[in-house]
Amino acid sequence: MGDLSKNFNRSEFACRCLCGQDTVDAVLLEQLEEVREHFGVPVTITSANRCLFDNERVGGVFNSLHLEGRAADIIVRDIDPDDVANFLEDIASGLGRYTTFTHLDSRSGIPARWSGA
């Protein structure tokens, strides 16, 4: 059991530089729970909230939703990232397809889709 939701703890969303920034958007958390329930296996959050320093360190874009706690990069155990992205197609407003992980975010406005390296 998580301390934020059924399957997630606040520490999973914390900035990786250990600055203490750990904001989590409620819509994003709900989407992540949907992924966990659908596939029935653990979801690993490889990057969620980022401070400006950490976002710059990892090469994030200047207006990244990671800065607001509205984005997460995830790996779903034993599930191909394309399968995860296909499931999220109708759920996530922001969806990035990568070879080793899936990005989802809870942006407002026009949905966005992209593929990365």
PDB file of N, CA and C in Angstrom:
ATOM      1  N   MET A   1       0.844  -1.197   0.000  1.00  0.00           N
ATOM      2  CA  MET A   1       0.000   0.000   0.000  1.00  0.00           C
ATOM      3  C   MET A   1       0.885   1.256   0.000  1.00  0.00           C
ATOM      4  N   GLY A   2       0.472   2.213  -0.794  1.00  0.00           N
ATOM      5  CA  GLY A   2       1.218   3.453  -0.869  1.00  0.00           C
ATOM      6  C   GLY A   2       0.690   4.495   0.096  1.00  0.00           C
ATOM      7  N   ASP A   3       1.451   5.529   0.323  1.00  0.00           N
ATOM      8  CA  ASP A   3       0.993   6.606   1.205  1.00  0.00           C
ATOM      9  C   ASP A   3       0.255   7.709   0.445  1.00  0.00           C
ATOM     10  N   LEU A   4       0.313   7.686  -0.900  1.00  0.00           N
ATOM     11  CA  LEU A   4      -0.432   8.651  -1.711  1.00  0.00           C
ATOM     12  C   LEU A   4      -1.682   8.038  -2.317  1.00  0.00           C
ATOM     13  N   SER A   5      -1.556   6.793  -2.731  1.00  0.00           N
ATOM     14  CA  SER A   5      -2.654   6.073  -3.372  1.00  0.00           C
ATOM     15  C   SER A   5      -2.455   4.593  -3.088  1.00  0.00           C
ATOM     16  N   LYS A   6      -3.287   3.791  -3.684  1.00  0.00           N
ATOM     17  CA  LYS A   6      -3.216   2.352  -3.440  1.00  0.00           C
ATOM     18  C   LYS A   6      -1.832   1.775  -3.740  1.00  0.00           C
ATOM     19  N   ASN A   7      -1.190   2.237  -4.807  1.00  0.00           N
ATOM     20  CA  ASN A   7       0.064   1.626  -5.247  1.00  0.00           C
ATOM     21  C   ASN A   7       1.291   2.527  -5.266  1.00  0.00           C
ATOM     22  N   PHE A   8       1.142   3.793  -4.895  1.00  0.00           N
ATOM     23  CA  PHE A   8       2.268   4.718  -5.024  1.00  0.00           C
ATOM     24  C   PHE A   8       2.545   5.493  -3.748  1.00  0.00           C
ATOM     25  N   ASN A   9       3.838   5.713  -3.514  1.00  0.00           N
ATOM     26  CA  ASN A   9       4.323   6.499  -2.384  1.00  0.00           C
ATOM     27  C   ASN A   9       4.866   7.831  -2.886  1.00  0.00           C
ATOM     28  N   ARG A  10       4.751   8.850  -2.041  1.00  0.00           N
ATOM     29  CA  ARG A  10       5.265  10.169  -2.399  1.00  0.00           C
ATOM     30  C   ARG A  10       6.745  10.120  -2.763  1.00  0.00           C
ATOM     31  N   SER A  11       7.510   9.286  -2.092  1.00  0.00           N
ATOM     32  CA  SER A  11       8.954   9.224  -2.357  1.00  0.00           C
ATOM     33  C   SER A  11       9.267   8.835  -3.797  1.00  0.00           C
ATOM     34  N   GLU A  12       8.372   8.112  -4.469  1.00  0.00           N
ATOM     35  CA  GLU A  12       8.586   7.716  -5.859  1.00  0.00           C
ATOM     36  C   GLU A  12       8.540   8.912  -6.808  1.00  0.00           C
ATOM     37  N   PHE A  13       7.931   9.999  -6.373  1.00  0.00           N
ATOM     38  CA  PHE A  13       7.763  11.188  -7.209  1.00  0.00           C
ATOM     39  C   PHE A  13       8.795  12.263  -6.905  1.00  0.00           C
ATOM     40  N   ALA A  14       9.623  12.049  -5.901  1.00  0.00           N
ATOM     41  CA  ALA A  14      10.576  13.064  -5.450  1.00  0.00           C
ATOM     42  C   ALA A  14      11.654  13.328  -6.496  1.00  0.00           C
ATOM     43  N   CYS A  15      12.081  14.568  -6.544  1.00  0.00           N
ATOM     44  CA  CYS A  15      13.176  14.968  -7.423  1.00  0.00           C
ATOM     45  C   CYS A  15      14.399  14.111  -7.102  1.00  0.00           C
ATOM     46  N   ARG A  16      15.071  13.649  -8.139  1.00  0.00           N
ATOM     47  CA  ARG A  16      16.210  12.740  -7.971  1.00  0.00           C
ATOM     48  C   ARG A  16      17.450  13.412  -7.386  1.00  0.00           C
ATOM     49  N   CYS A  17      17.487  14.752  -7.364  1.00  0.00           N
ATOM     50  CA  CYS A  17      18.663  15.422  -6.798  1.00  0.00           C
ATOM     51  C   CYS A  17      18.576  15.513  -5.271  1.00  0.00           C
ATOM     52  N   LEU A  18      17.473  15.023  -4.714  1.00  0.00           N
ATOM     53  CA  LEU A  18      17.234  14.988  -3.267  1.00  0.00           C
ATOM     54  C   LEU A  18      17.007  16.370  -2.659  1.00  0.00           C
ATOM     55  N   CYS A  19      16.528  17.321  -3.473  1.00  0.00           N
ATOM     56  CA  CYS A  19      16.259  18.671  -2.981  1.00  0.00           C
ATOM     57  C   CYS A  19      15.001  18.727  -2.118  1.00  0.00           C
ATOM     58  N   GLY A  20      14.176  17.694  -2.181  1.00  0.00           N
ATOM     59  CA  GLY A  20      12.953  17.658  -1.392  1.00  0.00           C
ATOM     60  C   GLY A  20      11.695  17.986  -2.167  1.00  0.00           C
ATOM     61  N   GLN A  21      11.815  18.413  -3.402  1.00  0.00           N
ATOM     62  CA  GLN A  21      10.643  18.736  -4.226  1.00  0.00           C
ATOM     63  C   GLN A  21       9.933  17.434  -4.587  1.00  0.00           C
ATOM     64  N   ASP A  22       8.636  17.342  -4.242  1.00  0.00           N
ATOM     65  CA  ASP A  22       7.921  16.084  -4.480  1.00  0.00           C
ATOM     66  C   ASP A  22       6.440  16.282  -4.803  1.00  0.00           C
ATOM     67  N   THR A  23       6.111  17.367  -5.467  1.00  0.00           N
ATOM     68  CA  THR A  23       4.736  17.643  -5.861  1.00  0.00           C
ATOM     69  C   THR A  23       4.218  16.543  -6.784  1.00  0.00           C
ATOM     70  N   VAL A  24       2.948  16.165  -6.592  1.00  0.00           N
ATOM     71  CA  VAL A  24       2.326  15.150  -7.445  1.00  0.00           C
ATOM     72  C   VAL A  24       0.942  15.640  -7.843  1.00  0.00           C
ATOM     73  N   ASP A  25       0.698  15.719  -9.142  1.00  0.00           N
ATOM     74  CA  ASP A  25      -0.601  16.116  -9.653  1.00  0.00           C
ATOM     75  C   ASP A  25      -1.595  14.968  -9.468  1.00  0.00           C
ATOM     76  N   ALA A  26      -2.807  15.280  -9.007  1.00  0.00           N
ATOM     77  CA  ALA A  26      -3.819  14.258  -8.745  1.00  0.00           C
ATOM     78  C   ALA A  26      -4.239  13.511 -10.008  1.00  0.00           C
ATOM     79  N   VAL A  27      -4.344  14.201 -11.125  1.00  0.00           N
ATOM     80  CA  VAL A  27      -4.732  13.550 -12.382  1.00  0.00           C
ATOM     81  C   VAL A  27      -3.645  12.574 -12.819  1.00  0.00           C
ATOM     82  N   LEU A  28      -2.392  12.983 -12.714  1.00  0.00           N
ATOM     83  CA  LEU A  28      -1.276  12.107 -13.059  1.00  0.00           C
ATOM     84  C   LEU A  28      -1.295  10.852 -12.193  1.00  0.00           C
ATOM     85  N   LEU A  29      -1.502  11.024 -10.916  1.00  0.00           N
ATOM     86  CA  LEU A  29      -1.556   9.896  -9.993  1.00  0.00           C
ATOM     87  C   LEU A  29      -2.685   8.935 -10.372  1.00  0.00           C
ATOM     88  N   GLU A  30      -3.812   9.468 -10.740  1.00  0.00           N
ATOM     89  CA  GLU A  30      -4.944   8.647 -11.165  1.00  0.00           C
ATOM     90  C   GLU A  30      -4.600   7.856 -12.434  1.00  0.00           C
ATOM     91  N   GLN A  31      -3.924   8.496 -13.374  1.00  0.00           N
ATOM     92  CA  GLN A  31      -3.522   7.815 -14.604  1.00  0.00           C
ATOM     93  C   GLN A  31      -2.541   6.678 -14.300  1.00  0.00           C
ATOM     94  N   LEU A  32      -1.627   6.930 -13.401  1.00  0.00           N
ATOM     95  CA  LEU A  32      -0.659   5.895 -13.033  1.00  0.00           C
ATOM     96  C   LEU A  32      -1.344   4.711 -12.359  1.00  0.00           C
ATOM     97  N   GLU A  33      -2.336   4.978 -11.547  1.00  0.00           N
ATOM     98  CA  GLU A  33      -3.106   3.893 -10.927  1.00  0.00           C
ATOM     99  C   GLU A  33      -3.829   3.073 -11.989  1.00  0.00           C
ATOM    100  N   GLU A  34      -4.337   3.745 -13.024  1.00  0.00           N
ATOM    101  CA  GLU A  34      -5.002   3.028 -14.115  1.00  0.00           C
ATOM    102  C   GLU A  34      -4.022   2.094 -14.827  1.00  0.00           C
ATOM    103  N   VAL A  35      -2.799   2.550 -15.043  1.00  0.00           N
ATOM    104  CA  VAL A  35      -1.780   1.716 -15.674  1.00  0.00           C
ATOM    105  C   VAL A  35      -1.503   0.497 -14.795  1.00  0.00           C
ATOM    106  N   ARG A  36      -1.318   0.733 -13.504  1.00  0.00           N
ATOM    107  CA  ARG A  36      -1.012  -0.360 -12.563  1.00  0.00           C
ATOM    108  C   ARG A  36      -2.139  -1.387 -12.528  1.00  0.00           C
ATOM    109  N   GLU A  37      -3.357  -0.914 -12.475  1.00  0.00           N
ATOM    110  CA  GLU A  37      -4.509  -1.825 -12.415  1.00  0.00           C
ATOM    111  C   GLU A  37      -4.686  -2.586 -13.732  1.00  0.00           C
ATOM    112  N   HIS A  38      -4.500  -1.913 -14.841  1.00  0.00           N
ATOM    113  CA  HIS A  38      -4.682  -2.552 -16.149  1.00  0.00           C
ATOM    114  C   HIS A  38      -3.689  -3.688 -16.365  1.00  0.00           C
ATOM    115  N   PHE A  39      -2.411  -3.429 -16.112  1.00  0.00           N
ATOM    116  CA  PHE A  39      -1.385  -4.431 -16.387  1.00  0.00           C
ATOM    117  C   PHE A  39      -1.173  -5.394 -15.220  1.00  0.00           C
ATOM    118  N   GLY A  40      -1.555  -4.988 -14.014  1.00  0.00           N
ATOM    119  CA  GLY A  40      -1.460  -5.875 -12.858  1.00  0.00           C
ATOM    120  C   GLY A  40      -0.052  -6.176 -12.390  1.00  0.00           C
ATOM    121  N   VAL A  41       0.888  -5.312 -12.766  1.00  0.00           N
ATOM    122  CA  VAL A  41       2.278  -5.471 -12.340  1.00  0.00           C
ATOM    123  C   VAL A  41       2.805  -4.113 -11.887  1.00  0.00           C
ATOM    124  N   PRO A  42       3.906  -4.114 -11.117  1.00  0.00           N
ATOM    125  CA  PRO A  42       4.444  -2.839 -10.630  1.00  0.00           C
ATOM    126  C   PRO A  42       4.841  -1.874 -11.736  1.00  0.00           C
ATOM    127  N   VAL A  43       4.645  -0.601 -11.441  1.00  0.00           N
ATOM    128  CA  VAL A  43       5.043   0.501 -12.306  1.00  0.00           C
ATOM    129  C   VAL A  43       6.197   1.216 -11.612  1.00  0.00           C
ATOM    130  N   THR A  44       7.319   1.310 -12.290  1.00  0.00           N
ATOM    131  CA  THR A  44       8.477   2.017 -11.745  1.00  0.00           C
ATOM    132  C   THR A  44       8.518   3.414 -12.340  1.00  0.00           C
ATOM    133  N   ILE A  45       8.575   4.401 -11.481  1.00  0.00           N
ATOM    134  CA  ILE A  45       8.679   5.795 -11.915  1.00  0.00           C
ATOM    135  C   ILE A  45      10.165   6.130 -11.966  1.00  0.00           C
ATOM    136  N   THR A  46      10.668   6.356 -13.178  1.00  0.00           N
ATOM    137  CA  THR A  46      12.096   6.647 -13.318  1.00  0.00           C
ATOM    138  C   THR A  46      12.393   8.132 -13.194  1.00  0.00           C
ATOM    139  N   SER A  47      11.391   8.962 -13.458  1.00  0.00           N
ATOM    140  CA  SER A  47      11.537  10.409 -13.300  1.00  0.00           C
ATOM    141  C   SER A  47      10.150  11.014 -13.171  1.00  0.00           C
ATOM    142  N   ALA A  48       9.967  11.801 -12.139  1.00  0.00           N
ATOM    143  CA  ALA A  48       8.679  12.488 -11.968  1.00  0.00           C
ATOM    144  C   ALA A  48       8.980  13.963 -11.714  1.00  0.00           C
ATOM    145  N   ASN A  49       8.856  14.394 -10.487  1.00  0.00           N
ATOM    146  CA  ASN A  49       9.091  15.796 -10.173  1.00  0.00           C
ATOM    147  C   ASN A  49      10.563  16.142 -10.328  1.00  0.00           C
ATOM    148  N   ARG A  50      10.823  17.294 -10.924  1.00  0.00           N
ATOM    149  CA  ARG A  50      12.195  17.782 -11.070  1.00  0.00           C
ATOM    150  C   ARG A  50      12.268  19.246 -10.679  1.00  0.00           C
ATOM    151  N   CYS A  51      13.327  19.595  -9.975  1.00  0.00           N
ATOM    152  CA  CYS A  51      13.606  21.014  -9.749  1.00  0.00           C
ATOM    153  C   CYS A  51      14.316  21.533 -11.007  1.00  0.00           C
ATOM    154  N   LEU A  52      14.514  22.820 -11.093  1.00  0.00           N
ATOM    155  CA  LEU A  52      15.181  23.399 -12.266  1.00  0.00           C
ATOM    156  C   LEU A  52      16.565  22.807 -12.497  1.00  0.00           C
ATOM    157  N   PHE A  53      17.318  22.638 -11.410  1.00  0.00           N
ATOM    158  CA  PHE A  53      18.668  22.085 -11.512  1.00  0.00           C
ATOM    159  C   PHE A  53      18.643  20.686 -12.102  1.00  0.00           C
ATOM    160  N   ASP A  54      17.789  19.823 -11.562  1.00  0.00           N
ATOM    161  CA  ASP A  54      17.741  18.443 -12.024  1.00  0.00           C
ATOM    162  C   ASP A  54      17.206  18.356 -13.446  1.00  0.00           C
ATOM    163  N   ASN A  55      16.234  19.186 -13.780  1.00  0.00           N
ATOM    164  CA  ASN A  55      15.703  19.188 -15.137  1.00  0.00           C
ATOM    165  C   ASN A  55      16.798  19.550 -16.142  1.00  0.00           C
ATOM    166  N   GLU A  56      17.617  20.524 -15.792  1.00  0.00           N
ATOM    167  CA  GLU A  56      18.724  20.917 -16.657  1.00  0.00           C
ATOM    168  C   GLU A  56      19.761  19.793 -16.749  1.00  0.00           C
ATOM    169  N   ARG A  57      20.030  19.151 -15.618  1.00  0.00           N
ATOM    170  CA  ARG A  57      21.016  18.067 -15.568  1.00  0.00           C
ATOM    171  C   ARG A  57      20.644  16.917 -16.492  1.00  0.00           C
ATOM    172  N   VAL A  58      19.348  16.579 -16.571  1.00  0.00           N
ATOM    173  CA  VAL A  58      18.919  15.445 -17.405  1.00  0.00           C
ATOM    174  C   VAL A  58      18.581  15.854 -18.835  1.00  0.00           C
ATOM    175  N   GLY A  59      18.715  17.148 -19.148  1.00  0.00           N
ATOM    176  CA  GLY A  59      18.433  17.614 -20.501  1.00  0.00           C
ATOM    177  C   GLY A  59      16.961  17.817 -20.786  1.00  0.00           C
ATOM    178  N   GLY A  60      16.169  18.064 -19.736  1.00  0.00           N
ATOM    179  CA  GLY A  60      14.737  18.315 -19.915  1.00  0.00           C
ATOM    180  C   GLY A  60      14.487  19.662 -20.575  1.00  0.00           C
ATOM    181  N   VAL A  61      13.345  19.780 -21.235  1.00  0.00           N
ATOM    182  CA  VAL A  61      12.996  21.044 -21.880  1.00  0.00           C
ATOM    183  C   VAL A  61      12.696  22.104 -20.830  1.00  0.00           C
ATOM    184  N   PHE A  62      12.846  23.368 -21.188  1.00  0.00           N
ATOM    185  CA  PHE A  62      12.745  24.459 -20.222  1.00  0.00           C
ATOM    186  C   PHE A  62      11.361  24.571 -19.594  1.00  0.00           C
ATOM    187  N   ASN A  63      10.321  24.157 -20.292  1.00  0.00           N
ATOM    188  CA  ASN A  63       8.959  24.256 -19.754  1.00  0.00           C
ATOM    189  C   ASN A  63       8.371  22.884 -19.419  1.00  0.00           C
ATOM    190  N   SER A  64       9.222  21.966 -19.050  1.00  0.00           N
ATOM    191  CA  SER A  64       8.816  20.592 -18.764  1.00  0.00           C
ATOM    192  C   SER A  64       7.737  20.528 -17.681  1.00  0.00           C
ATOM    193  N   LEU A  65       6.766  19.673 -17.899  1.00  0.00           N
ATOM    194  CA  LEU A  65       5.734  19.469 -16.880  1.00  0.00           C
ATOM    195  C   LEU A  65       6.270  18.700 -15.677  1.00  0.00           C
ATOM    196  N   HIS A  66       7.460  18.122 -15.808  1.00  0.00           N
ATOM    197  CA  HIS A  66       8.120  17.508 -14.656  1.00  0.00           C
ATOM    198  C   HIS A  66       8.368  18.568 -13.571  1.00  0.00           C
ATOM    199  N   LEU A  67       8.582  19.805 -13.980  1.00  0.00           N
ATOM    200  CA  LEU A  67       8.846  20.900 -13.037  1.00  0.00           C
ATOM    201  C   LEU A  67       7.641  21.190 -12.142  1.00  0.00           C
ATOM    202  N   GLU A  68       6.449  20.829 -12.608  1.00  0.00           N
ATOM    203  CA  GLU A  68       5.213  21.085 -11.870  1.00  0.00           C
ATOM    204  C   GLU A  68       4.643  19.834 -11.218  1.00  0.00           C
ATOM    205  N   GLY A  69       5.348  18.712 -11.324  1.00  0.00           N
ATOM    206  CA  GLY A  69       4.825  17.465 -10.778  1.00  0.00           C
ATOM    207  C   GLY A  69       3.664  16.915 -11.583  1.00  0.00           C
ATOM    208  N   ARG A  70       3.623  17.263 -12.871  1.00  0.00           N
ATOM    209  CA  ARG A  70       2.523  16.837 -13.750  1.00  0.00           C
ATOM    210  C   ARG A  70       2.983  15.860 -14.823  1.00  0.00           C
ATOM    211  N   ALA A  71       4.179  15.267 -14.658  1.00  0.00           N
ATOM    212  CA  ALA A  71       4.703  14.322 -15.643  1.00  0.00           C
ATOM    213  C   ALA A  71       5.464  13.208 -14.949  1.00  0.00           C
ATOM    214  N   ALA A  72       5.457  12.049 -15.592  1.00  0.00           N
ATOM    215  CA  ALA A  72       6.226  10.915 -15.084  1.00  0.00           C
ATOM    216  C   ALA A  72       6.727  10.083 -16.254  1.00  0.00           C
ATOM    217  N   ASP A  73       7.945   9.609 -16.117  1.00  0.00           N
ATOM    218  CA  ASP A  73       8.511   8.632 -17.036  1.00  0.00           C
ATOM    219  C   ASP A  73       8.442   7.302 -16.307  1.00  0.00           C
ATOM    220  N   ILE A  74       7.880   6.292 -16.967  1.00  0.00           N
ATOM    221  CA  ILE A  74       7.608   5.032 -16.280  1.00  0.00           C
ATOM    222  C   ILE A  74       8.082   3.821 -17.070  1.00  0.00           C
ATOM    223  N   ILE A  75       8.338   2.765 -16.319  1.00  0.00           N
ATOM    224  CA  ILE A  75       8.590   1.441 -16.860  1.00  0.00           C
ATOM    225  C   ILE A  75       7.606   0.514 -16.160  1.00  0.00           C
ATOM    226  N   VAL A  76       6.887  -0.270 -16.952  1.00  0.00           N
ATOM    227  CA  VAL A  76       5.951  -1.238 -16.403  1.00  0.00           C
ATOM    228  C   VAL A  76       6.605  -2.611 -16.529  1.00  0.00           C
ATOM    229  N   ARG A  77       6.778  -3.272 -15.401  1.00  0.00           N
ATOM    230  CA  ARG A  77       7.538  -4.522 -15.363  1.00  0.00           C
ATOM    231  C   ARG A  77       7.038  -5.543 -16.387  1.00  0.00           C
ATOM    232  N   ASP A  78       7.978  -6.008 -17.220  1.00  0.00           N
ATOM    233  CA  ASP A  78       7.731  -7.049 -18.226  1.00  0.00           C
ATOM    234  C   ASP A  78       6.742  -6.651 -19.319  1.00  0.00           C
ATOM    235  N   ILE A  79       6.479  -5.355 -19.474  1.00  0.00           N
ATOM    236  CA  ILE A  79       5.557  -4.877 -20.505  1.00  0.00           C
ATOM    237  C   ILE A  79       6.332  -3.951 -21.443  1.00  0.00           C
ATOM    238  N   ASP A  80       6.199  -4.181 -22.739  1.00  0.00           N
ATOM    239  CA  ASP A  80       6.878  -3.353 -23.731  1.00  0.00           C
ATOM    240  C   ASP A  80       6.355  -1.911 -23.653  1.00  0.00           C
ATOM    241  N   PRO A  81       7.242  -0.927 -23.697  1.00  0.00           N
ATOM    242  CA  PRO A  81       6.798   0.473 -23.640  1.00  0.00           C
ATOM    243  C   PRO A  81       5.754   0.838 -24.699  1.00  0.00           C
ATOM    244  N   ASP A  82       5.797   0.203 -25.863  1.00  0.00           N
ATOM    245  CA  ASP A  82       4.768   0.465 -26.875  1.00  0.00           C
ATOM    246  C   ASP A  82       3.394   0.002 -26.406  1.00  0.00           C
ATOM    247  N   ASP A  83       3.350  -1.114 -25.703  1.00  0.00           N
ATOM    248  CA  ASP A  83       2.076  -1.605 -25.169  1.00  0.00           C
ATOM    249  C   ASP A  83       1.538  -0.657 -24.094  1.00  0.00           C
ATOM    250  N   VAL A  84       2.437  -0.131 -23.281  1.00  0.00           N
ATOM    251  CA  VAL A  84       2.032   0.844 -22.263  1.00  0.00           C
ATOM    252  C   VAL A  84       1.484   2.092 -22.941  1.00  0.00           C
ATOM    253  N   ALA A  85       2.205   2.593 -23.935  1.00  0.00           N
ATOM    254  CA  ALA A  85       1.772   3.798 -24.655  1.00  0.00           C
ATOM    255  C   ALA A  85       0.436   3.569 -25.362  1.00  0.00           C
ATOM    256  N   ASN A  86       0.254   2.399 -25.939  1.00  0.00           N
ATOM    257  CA  ASN A  86      -1.019   2.100 -26.599  1.00  0.00           C
ATOM    258  C   ASN A  86      -2.173   2.157 -25.610  1.00  0.00           C
ATOM    259  N   PHE A  87      -1.964   1.622 -24.413  1.00  0.00           N
ATOM    260  CA  PHE A  87      -2.997   1.691 -23.384  1.00  0.00           C
ATOM    261  C   PHE A  87      -3.288   3.139 -22.994  1.00  0.00           C
ATOM    262  N   LEU A  88      -2.243   3.952 -22.893  1.00  0.00           N
ATOM    263  CA  LEU A  88      -2.382   5.344 -22.446  1.00  0.00           C
ATOM    264  C   LEU A  88      -2.916   6.284 -23.524  1.00  0.00           C
ATOM    265  N   GLU A  89      -2.996   5.820 -24.743  1.00  0.00           N
ATOM    266  CA  GLU A  89      -3.382   6.678 -25.866  1.00  0.00           C
ATOM    267  C   GLU A  89      -4.672   7.455 -25.599  1.00  0.00           C
ATOM    268  N   ASP A  90      -5.652   6.838 -24.991  1.00  0.00           N
ATOM    269  CA  ASP A  90      -6.932   7.506 -24.724  1.00  0.00           C
ATOM    270  C   ASP A  90      -7.028   8.114 -23.327  1.00  0.00           C
ATOM    271  N   ILE A  91      -5.971   7.971 -22.542  1.00  0.00           N
ATOM    272  CA  ILE A  91      -6.008   8.425 -21.143  1.00  0.00           C
ATOM    273  C   ILE A  91      -5.130   9.655 -20.914  1.00  0.00           C
ATOM    274  N   ALA A  92      -3.891   9.586 -21.383  1.00  0.00           N
ATOM    275  CA  ALA A  92      -2.916  10.641 -21.112  1.00  0.00           C
ATOM    276  C   ALA A  92      -3.083  11.805 -22.079  1.00  0.00           C
ATOM    277  N   SER A  93      -3.022  13.016 -21.568  1.00  0.00           N
ATOM    278  CA  SER A  93      -3.075  14.173 -22.458  1.00  0.00           C
ATOM    279  C   SER A  93      -1.718  14.422 -23.100  1.00  0.00           C
ATOM    280  N   GLY A  94      -0.648  14.041 -22.418  1.00  0.00           N
ATOM    281  CA  GLY A  94       0.691  14.093 -22.989  1.00  0.00           C
ATOM    282  C   GLY A  94       1.275  12.697 -22.969  1.00  0.00           C
ATOM    283  N   LEU A  95       1.763  12.228 -24.117  1.00  0.00           N
ATOM    284  CA  LEU A  95       2.254  10.859 -24.218  1.00  0.00           C
ATOM    285  C   LEU A  95       3.492  10.820 -25.101  1.00  0.00           C
ATOM    286  N   GLY A  96       4.597  10.402 -24.510  1.00  0.00           N
ATOM    287  CA  GLY A  96       5.844  10.253 -25.245  1.00  0.00           C
ATOM    288  C   GLY A  96       6.241   8.794 -25.310  1.00  0.00           C
ATOM    289  N   ARG A  97       6.544   8.336 -26.506  1.00  0.00           N
ATOM    290  CA  ARG A  97       6.947   6.948 -26.732  1.00  0.00           C
ATOM    291  C   ARG A  97       8.471   6.894 -26.864  1.00  0.00           C
ATOM    292  N   TYR A  98       9.094   6.107 -26.021  1.00  0.00           N
ATOM    293  CA  TYR A  98      10.541   5.923 -26.051  1.00  0.00           C
ATOM    294  C   TYR A  98      10.838   4.433 -26.072  1.00  0.00           C
ATOM    295  N   THR A  99      12.041   4.046 -26.418  1.00  0.00           N
ATOM    296  CA  THR A  99      12.360   2.622 -26.539  1.00  0.00           C
ATOM    297  C   THR A  99      12.410   1.901 -25.196  1.00  0.00           C
ATOM    298  N   THR A 100      12.766   2.620 -24.131  1.00  0.00           N
ATOM    299  CA  THR A 100      12.923   1.949 -22.835  1.00  0.00           C
ATOM    300  C   THR A 100      11.932   2.397 -21.766  1.00  0.00           C
ATOM    301  N   PHE A 101      11.137   3.419 -22.038  1.00  0.00           N
ATOM    302  CA  PHE A 101      10.172   3.905 -21.055  1.00  0.00           C
ATOM    303  C   PHE A 101       9.043   4.627 -21.772  1.00  0.00           C
ATOM    304  N   THR A 102       8.038   4.997 -21.000  1.00  0.00           N
ATOM    305  CA  THR A 102       6.905   5.767 -21.508  1.00  0.00           C
ATOM    306  C   THR A 102       6.768   7.030 -20.677  1.00  0.00           C
ATOM    307  N   HIS A 103       6.547   8.142 -21.333  1.00  0.00           N
ATOM    308  CA  HIS A 103       6.292   9.414 -20.654  1.00  0.00           C
ATOM    309  C   HIS A 103       4.793   9.680 -20.705  1.00  0.00           C
ATOM    310  N   LEU A 104       4.223  10.070 -19.562  1.00  0.00           N
ATOM    311  CA  LEU A 104       2.850  10.547 -19.568  1.00  0.00           C
ATOM    312  C   LEU A 104       2.773  11.809 -18.743  1.00  0.00           C
ATOM    313  N   ASP A 105       1.847  12.682 -19.124  1.00  0.00           N
ATOM    314  CA  ASP A 105       1.652  13.898 -18.345  1.00  0.00           C
ATOM    315  C   ASP A 105       0.201  14.331 -18.394  1.00  0.00           C
ATOM    316  N   SER A 106      -0.128  15.239 -17.495  1.00  0.00           N
ATOM    317  CA  SER A 106      -1.511  15.697 -17.325  1.00  0.00           C
ATOM    318  C   SER A 106      -1.663  17.143 -17.790  1.00  0.00           C
ATOM    319  N   ARG A 107      -1.063  17.456 -18.932  1.00  0.00           N
ATOM    320  CA  ARG A 107      -1.126  18.814 -19.487  1.00  0.00           C
ATOM    321  C   ARG A 107      -2.577  19.225 -19.741  1.00  0.00           C
ATOM    322  N   SER A 108      -2.788  20.506 -19.760  1.00  0.00           N
ATOM    323  CA  SER A 108      -4.099  21.065 -20.106  1.00  0.00           C
ATOM    324  C   SER A 108      -4.085  21.432 -21.575  1.00  0.00           C
ATOM    325  N   GLY A 109      -5.260  21.532 -22.159  1.00  0.00           N
ATOM    326  CA  GLY A 109      -5.345  21.961 -23.549  1.00  0.00           C
ATOM    327  C   GLY A 109      -5.222  20.824 -24.526  1.00  0.00           C
ATOM    328  N   ILE A 110      -4.589  21.120 -25.637  1.00  0.00           N
ATOM    329  CA  ILE A 110      -4.478  20.174 -26.742  1.00  0.00           C
ATOM    330  C   ILE A 110      -3.555  19.021 -26.372  1.00  0.00           C
ATOM    331  N   PRO A 111      -4.016  17.785 -26.541  1.00  0.00           N
ATOM    332  CA  PRO A 111      -3.149  16.640 -26.259  1.00  0.00           C
ATOM    333  C   PRO A 111      -1.893  16.669 -27.141  1.00  0.00           C
ATOM    334  N   ALA A 112      -0.828  16.069 -26.641  1.00  0.00           N
ATOM    335  CA  ALA A 112       0.433  16.006 -27.387  1.00  0.00           C
ATOM    336  C   ALA A 112       0.914  14.562 -27.449  1.00  0.00           C
ATOM    337  N   ARG A 113       1.450  14.204 -28.596  1.00  0.00           N
ATOM    338  CA  ARG A 113       2.030  12.881 -28.813  1.00  0.00           C
ATOM    339  C   ARG A 113       3.370  13.043 -29.502  1.00  0.00           C
ATOM    340  N   TRP A 114       4.373  12.268 -29.076  1.00  0.00           N
ATOM    341  CA  TRP A 114       5.663  12.307 -29.724  1.00  0.00           C
ATOM    342  C   TRP A 114       6.415  11.013 -29.471  1.00  0.00           C
ATOM    343  N   SER A 115       7.442  10.807 -30.265  1.00  0.00           N
ATOM    344  CA  SER A 115       8.336   9.668 -30.111  1.00  0.00           C
ATOM    345  C   SER A 115       9.733  10.213 -29.890  1.00  0.00           C
ATOM    346  N   GLY A 116      10.470   9.576 -29.016  1.00  0.00           N
ATOM    347  CA  GLY A 116      11.827  10.009 -28.709  1.00  0.00           C
ATOM    348  C   GLY A 116      12.814   8.900 -28.999  1.00  0.00           C
ATOM    349  N   ALA A 117      14.055   9.207 -28.790  1.00  0.00           N
ATOM    350  CA  ALA A 117      15.127   8.232 -29.038  1.00  0.00           C
ATOM    351  C   ALA A 117      15.229   7.240 -27.908  1.00  0.00           C
TER     352      ALA A 117
END
